[in-house]
Amino acid sequence: MSEKKPLPFIYNFAAGAVAGVSEILVMYPLDVVKTRIQLQVGGAAGPDAYTGTLDCFRKIIKNEGFSRLYRGISAPILMEAPKRATKFAANDYWGAVYRKAFGMKKTNQPLAVLTGATAGVSESFVVVPFELIKIRLQDRASAGKYNGMVDCFVKLVKAEGVMALYNGLESTMWRHLVWNAGYFGCIFQAKELLPKAETKKSQMINDVIAGGVGGTAGTILNTPFDVVKSRIQNTVKVKGQIPKYNWTIPSLAIVAREEGFAALYKGFLPKVLRLGPGGGILLVVYTNVIEFFEKARDKAQEAATTASS
């Protein structure tokens, strides 16, 4: 029996897009809470300060309304399609490139980590402008400054210039490199350790477990980079002034020195609650959409063969 040909790039891209949008619709409020906590400099002080995940949820709903939990979702919705699509498509693409370069027929654990890291860097170039706008819209301090995504985009470019849309590119690359390396590396290892799936249901369970483990591991590794990325992207650039949070490694040192090492894990709970299960959702939806495309392709090939015979 001949080996099944991989789907073209566009199908991997589309499957990643569907998976990304599905995940963001379910898990977005946790991202808002995560960003609010990360942008809170210093300890929790004052009646409006957030003392934890549940407290942040409660205060946002009480003081700003439930809809504020979906503030800025238009930017990530537009971002999720190219972001997750690039993630999975780039992972497949770089996996093939590395297997060929190293003369390997199958991916192993180190190659899965390397492939994921490279896919993360590729993904970063796509997501930075969307991430920047999302952070500005989610910040409580700028709640009344912008009327929405387009207004934020126009005001940001007008005040800070077009290149400001790529503020935080370096920190975003670090964040995505680390997360993708952990995510895809752990998915590979988890799938190797889990019992072989014999049914559709057991395959879905394996995907949920593997994706959840990968999402959790990626979150543990990349949260410090995410904290400083949020700070960097929320800093308004002023001509002639060097921002306090500018580059990743110095910013990590500033946060640790001024607020303690634990501050590098601000927002960890809502982030891991989102990206742990979210990683499972991503993998399950992506796998099922790919399977749907493969079945559609096989049927089309069968029909073409029947028609020509």
Foldseek 3Di string as FASTA:
>chain_A
DDDDDADDLVLLLQLQLVLQLVLCVPQQLLVLLLLQQLQDAAAADDPQGANDSVSSCVSCCVPPNPCLSCFLVVLSNVLRSNLRSLQRSQLVVVLVVVCVVVVHPDDDLVSQLVSQLVSLLVSLVRRQLSVLLSLQRSHPVCVPVAPGSVRSQVVLCVQQNPCLSNFLSQLSSQLRSQLRSQQRSQLRVLCVPDPDDPDPVSVLVSLQQSQLRSQLRSLVRRQLSVSLSSVRSNDRDDPPDDDPRGHRPSSSVVSCVRHNNCSSCGSSVSSSVSRNSSRSSSRSSSVVSSVVVSVVVVVVVVVVVVVVD
